[in-house]
Amino acid sequence: MENLSNQPPKPDNHLVWAILSTVLCCLPLGIVSIIKSTKVNEHYAAGHYDEAQKASEEAKKWAIWSAVAAIAVWVIYFILIGIGVAGGIMSGGY
């Protein structure tokens, strides 16, 4: 079907990634991603296509940062656990 209204295609709102990053990764950054993703539909419906595209990019960026933050926290966690276990072994605690 042909687009007669000169309306660009709606950008992806990345809502699934925003929700997953909130639940599985980093709650504060994921919430920002959800807020940005809901703005995509609002801006697009109002005819603000540039703002919709910008909100889409922001939602994706915040979801990625949420995942990166979660990975960093888990890496630090496992390093600290490893240091604790190594310290326990060295001190004869095991």
N, C-alpha and C. Protein backbone atom coordinates (compact mmCIF):
# COMPACT_ATOMS: atom_id res chain seq x y z
N MET A 1 0.84 -1.18 0.00
CA MET A 1 0.00 0.00 0.00
C MET A 1 0.89 1.24 0.00
N GLU A 2 0.51 2.22 -0.73
CA GLU A 2 1.31 3.43 -0.89
C GLU A 2 1.04 4.41 0.25
N ASN A 3 2.10 5.09 0.71
CA ASN A 3 1.98 6.08 1.77
C ASN A 3 1.60 7.43 1.15
N LEU A 4 0.31 7.81 1.23
CA LEU A 4 -0.18 9.02 0.59
C LEU A 4 -0.07 10.25 1.47
N SER A 5 0.15 10.09 2.73
CA SER A 5 0.13 11.22 3.65
C SER A 5 1.50 11.87 3.85
N ASN A 6 2.51 11.40 3.15
CA ASN A 6 3.87 11.92 3.32
C ASN A 6 4.39 11.71 4.74
N GLN A 7 3.85 10.72 5.39
CA GLN A 7 4.21 10.41 6.77
C GLN A 7 5.34 9.38 6.75
N PRO A 8 6.46 9.68 7.39
CA PRO A 8 7.54 8.69 7.43
C PRO A 8 7.12 7.49 8.29
N PRO A 9 7.77 6.36 8.10
CA PRO A 9 7.43 5.20 8.93
C PRO A 9 7.74 5.48 10.39
N LYS A 10 6.93 4.90 11.26
CA LYS A 10 7.12 5.13 12.70
C LYS A 10 8.41 4.43 13.15
N PRO A 11 9.26 5.16 13.86
CA PRO A 11 10.50 4.53 14.36
C PRO A 11 10.17 3.49 15.43
N ASP A 12 11.06 2.52 15.55
CA ASP A 12 10.90 1.50 16.58
C ASP A 12 10.99 2.16 17.95
N ASN A 13 10.07 1.80 18.83
CA ASN A 13 10.10 2.42 20.16
C ASN A 13 10.98 1.65 21.14
N HIS A 14 11.46 0.49 20.77
CA HIS A 14 12.37 -0.31 21.60
C HIS A 14 11.78 -0.63 22.98
N LEU A 15 10.46 -0.72 23.05
CA LEU A 15 9.80 -0.95 24.34
C LEU A 15 10.16 -2.30 24.94
N VAL A 16 10.26 -3.33 24.10
CA VAL A 16 10.61 -4.66 24.62
C VAL A 16 11.99 -4.62 25.28
N TRP A 17 12.96 -4.00 24.59
CA TRP A 17 14.30 -3.89 25.17
C TRP A 17 14.31 -3.04 26.43
N ALA A 18 13.48 -2.00 26.45
CA ALA A 18 13.40 -1.14 27.63
C ALA A 18 12.87 -1.93 28.83
N ILE A 19 11.83 -2.71 28.59
CA ILE A 19 11.25 -3.50 29.69
C ILE A 19 12.24 -4.57 30.15
N LEU A 20 12.86 -5.27 29.20
CA LEU A 20 13.82 -6.31 29.58
C LEU A 20 15.01 -5.72 30.33
N SER A 21 15.48 -4.57 29.89
CA SER A 21 16.62 -3.96 30.58
C SER A 21 16.24 -3.49 31.97
N THR A 22 14.99 -3.12 32.15
CA THR A 22 14.53 -2.72 33.48
C THR A 22 14.43 -3.92 34.41
N VAL A 23 13.83 -4.99 33.92
CA VAL A 23 13.59 -6.17 34.76
C VAL A 23 14.87 -6.96 35.00
N LEU A 24 15.68 -7.13 33.97
CA LEU A 24 16.83 -8.01 34.07
C LEU A 24 18.16 -7.31 34.35
N CYS A 25 18.20 -6.02 34.15
CA CYS A 25 19.50 -5.34 34.22
C CYS A 25 19.53 -4.28 35.32
N CYS A 26 19.38 -3.07 34.91
CA CYS A 26 19.56 -1.94 35.82
C CYS A 26 18.27 -1.14 35.89
N LEU A 27 17.59 -1.21 37.01
CA LEU A 27 16.27 -0.61 37.17
C LEU A 27 16.21 0.88 36.85
N PRO A 28 17.07 1.74 37.41
CA PRO A 28 16.93 3.18 37.12
C PRO A 28 17.13 3.54 35.65
N LEU A 29 18.13 2.97 35.02
CA LEU A 29 18.38 3.28 33.61
C LEU A 29 17.30 2.67 32.72
N GLY A 30 16.79 1.52 33.10
CA GLY A 30 15.72 0.89 32.35
C GLY A 30 14.43 1.70 32.39
N ILE A 31 14.16 2.32 33.53
CA ILE A 31 12.96 3.16 33.64
C ILE A 31 13.06 4.36 32.70
N VAL A 32 14.23 4.95 32.62
CA VAL A 32 14.42 6.06 31.68
C VAL A 32 14.16 5.57 30.25
N SER A 33 14.64 4.38 29.94
CA SER A 33 14.42 3.81 28.61
C SER A 33 12.94 3.60 28.33
N ILE A 34 12.18 3.13 29.31
CA ILE A 34 10.74 2.94 29.13
C ILE A 34 10.06 4.28 28.88
N ILE A 35 10.43 5.29 29.63
CA ILE A 35 9.82 6.62 29.45
C ILE A 35 10.11 7.14 28.05
N LYS A 36 11.35 7.01 27.61
CA LYS A 36 11.72 7.47 26.27
C LYS A 36 10.97 6.69 25.19
N SER A 37 10.79 5.39 25.40
CA SER A 37 10.12 4.57 24.39
C SER A 37 8.64 4.93 24.26
N THR A 38 8.01 5.32 25.36
CA THR A 38 6.60 5.72 25.27
C THR A 38 6.45 7.07 24.57
N LYS A 39 7.49 7.88 24.64
CA LYS A 39 7.45 9.18 23.95
C LYS A 39 7.47 9.03 22.43
N VAL A 40 8.01 7.93 21.93
CA VAL A 40 8.06 7.71 20.48
C VAL A 40 6.65 7.74 19.90
N ASN A 41 5.76 6.96 20.48
CA ASN A 41 4.38 6.90 19.98
C ASN A 41 3.67 8.24 20.13
N GLU A 42 3.89 8.91 21.25
CA GLU A 42 3.25 10.21 21.48
C GLU A 42 3.68 11.23 20.43
N HIS A 43 4.97 11.33 20.20
CA HIS A 43 5.49 12.30 19.22
C HIS A 43 5.03 11.95 17.81
N TYR A 44 5.05 10.67 17.48
CA TYR A 44 4.66 10.25 16.13
C TYR A 44 3.18 10.56 15.88
N ALA A 45 2.34 10.27 16.87
CA ALA A 45 0.91 10.53 16.72
C ALA A 45 0.62 12.02 16.58
N ALA A 46 1.45 12.85 17.22
CA ALA A 46 1.27 14.31 17.15
C ALA A 46 1.87 14.89 15.87
N GLY A 47 2.54 14.06 15.08
CA GLY A 47 3.14 14.55 13.84
C GLY A 47 4.53 15.11 14.00
N HIS A 48 5.12 14.93 15.17
CA HIS A 48 6.48 15.40 15.44
C HIS A 48 7.45 14.26 15.14
N TYR A 49 7.73 14.05 13.86
CA TYR A 49 8.47 12.88 13.42
C TYR A 49 9.95 12.94 13.83
N ASP A 50 10.53 14.12 13.82
CA ASP A 50 11.93 14.24 14.25
C ASP A 50 12.07 13.93 15.73
N GLU A 51 11.12 14.41 16.53
CA GLU A 51 11.16 14.13 17.97
C GLU A 51 10.92 12.64 18.23
N ALA A 52 10.07 12.02 17.43
CA ALA A 52 9.82 10.58 17.58
C ALA A 52 11.09 9.79 17.29
N GLN A 53 11.81 10.18 16.24
CA GLN A 53 13.07 9.51 15.90
C GLN A 53 14.10 9.71 17.02
N LYS A 54 14.18 10.92 17.55
CA LYS A 54 15.12 11.20 18.63
C LYS A 54 14.78 10.39 19.88
N ALA A 55 13.49 10.30 20.21
CA ALA A 55 13.06 9.52 21.38
C ALA A 55 13.39 8.04 21.17
N SER A 56 13.24 7.55 19.95
CA SER A 56 13.59 6.16 19.63
C SER A 56 15.07 5.91 19.88
N GLU A 57 15.90 6.81 19.41
CA GLU A 57 17.35 6.67 19.60
C GLU A 57 17.71 6.75 21.08
N GLU A 58 17.04 7.64 21.81
CA GLU A 58 17.31 7.77 23.25
C GLU A 58 16.88 6.50 24.00
N ALA A 59 15.72 5.95 23.64
CA ALA A 59 15.25 4.73 24.30
C ALA A 59 16.24 3.59 24.10
N LYS A 60 16.74 3.47 22.88
CA LYS A 60 17.73 2.42 22.58
C LYS A 60 19.01 2.66 23.37
N LYS A 61 19.46 3.91 23.41
CA LYS A 61 20.70 4.26 24.12
C LYS A 61 20.58 3.90 25.61
N TRP A 62 19.47 4.27 26.23
CA TRP A 62 19.30 4.00 27.66
C TRP A 62 19.17 2.51 27.94
N ALA A 63 18.54 1.75 27.05
CA ALA A 63 18.45 0.30 27.23
C ALA A 63 19.84 -0.33 27.16
N ILE A 64 20.65 0.15 26.22
CA ILE A 64 22.01 -0.37 26.10
C ILE A 64 22.83 -0.02 27.34
N TRP A 65 22.73 1.21 27.80
CA TRP A 65 23.47 1.61 29.00
C TRP A 65 23.02 0.80 30.22
N SER A 66 21.75 0.47 30.28
CA SER A 66 21.25 -0.36 31.37
C SER A 66 21.90 -1.73 31.35
N ALA A 67 21.99 -2.32 30.15
CA ALA A 67 22.62 -3.64 30.03
C ALA A 67 24.11 -3.56 30.35
N VAL A 68 24.78 -2.52 29.88
CA VAL A 68 26.21 -2.35 30.16
C VAL A 68 26.44 -2.19 31.66
N ALA A 69 25.60 -1.41 32.31
CA ALA A 69 25.74 -1.21 33.76
C ALA A 69 25.55 -2.53 34.50
N ALA A 70 24.58 -3.32 34.08
CA ALA A 70 24.34 -4.61 34.74
C ALA A 70 25.53 -5.54 34.56
N ILE A 71 26.08 -5.58 33.36
CA ILE A 71 27.26 -6.43 33.10
C ILE A 71 28.43 -5.97 33.97
N ALA A 72 28.64 -4.68 34.06
CA ALA A 72 29.73 -4.16 34.89
C ALA A 72 29.55 -4.54 36.35
N VAL A 73 28.33 -4.42 36.84
CA VAL A 73 28.06 -4.78 38.25
C VAL A 73 28.32 -6.26 38.47
N TRP A 74 27.87 -7.11 37.55
CA TRP A 74 28.09 -8.55 37.71
C TRP A 74 29.57 -8.89 37.64
N VAL A 75 30.31 -8.27 36.76
CA VAL A 75 31.76 -8.53 36.68
C VAL A 75 32.43 -8.14 37.99
N ILE A 76 32.11 -6.97 38.50
CA ILE A 76 32.68 -6.52 39.78
C ILE A 76 32.29 -7.47 40.90
N TYR A 77 31.05 -7.91 40.90
CA TYR A 77 30.56 -8.83 41.92
C TYR A 77 31.38 -10.13 41.92
N PHE A 78 31.55 -10.71 40.73
CA PHE A 78 32.29 -11.96 40.66
C PHE A 78 33.77 -11.77 40.98
N ILE A 79 34.33 -10.64 40.64
CA ILE A 79 35.72 -10.36 41.03
C ILE A 79 35.84 -10.30 42.54
N LEU A 80 34.90 -9.61 43.18
CA LEU A 80 34.94 -9.51 44.65
C LEU A 80 34.72 -10.86 45.30
N ILE A 81 33.84 -11.67 44.74
CA ILE A 81 33.62 -13.03 45.28
C ILE A 81 34.92 -13.84 45.12
N GLY A 82 35.55 -13.72 43.97
CA GLY A 82 36.82 -14.43 43.74
C GLY A 82 37.89 -14.00 44.71
N ILE A 83 37.98 -12.71 44.97
CA ILE A 83 38.97 -12.19 45.92
C ILE A 83 38.66 -12.72 47.32
N GLY A 84 37.37 -12.74 47.66
CA GLY A 84 36.98 -13.26 48.99
C GLY A 84 37.30 -14.72 49.14
N VAL A 85 37.03 -15.52 48.12
CA VAL A 85 37.34 -16.94 48.17
C VAL A 85 38.84 -17.17 48.23
N ALA A 86 39.59 -16.42 47.40
CA ALA A 86 41.05 -16.54 47.42
C ALA A 86 41.61 -16.13 48.77
N GLY A 87 41.06 -15.09 49.35
CA GLY A 87 41.51 -14.65 50.67
C GLY A 87 41.22 -15.70 51.73
N GLY A 88 40.06 -16.32 51.64
CA GLY A 88 39.71 -17.38 52.59
C GLY A 88 40.62 -18.58 52.47
N ILE A 89 40.95 -18.93 51.24
CA ILE A 89 41.84 -20.07 51.01
C ILE A 89 43.24 -19.75 51.53
N MET A 90 43.72 -18.55 51.26
CA MET A 90 45.06 -18.15 51.69
C MET A 90 45.19 -18.09 53.20
N SER A 91 44.11 -17.73 53.87
CA SER A 91 44.19 -17.61 55.33
C SER A 91 43.92 -18.94 56.02
N GLY A 92 43.65 -19.97 55.26
CA GLY A 92 43.42 -21.28 55.85
C GLY A 92 41.98 -21.46 56.31
N GLY A 93 41.11 -20.63 55.86
CA GLY A 93 39.71 -20.72 56.28
C GLY A 93 38.97 -21.86 55.61
N TYR A 94 39.54 -22.42 54.55
CA TYR A 94 38.87 -23.52 53.86
C TYR A 94 39.63 -24.80 54.03
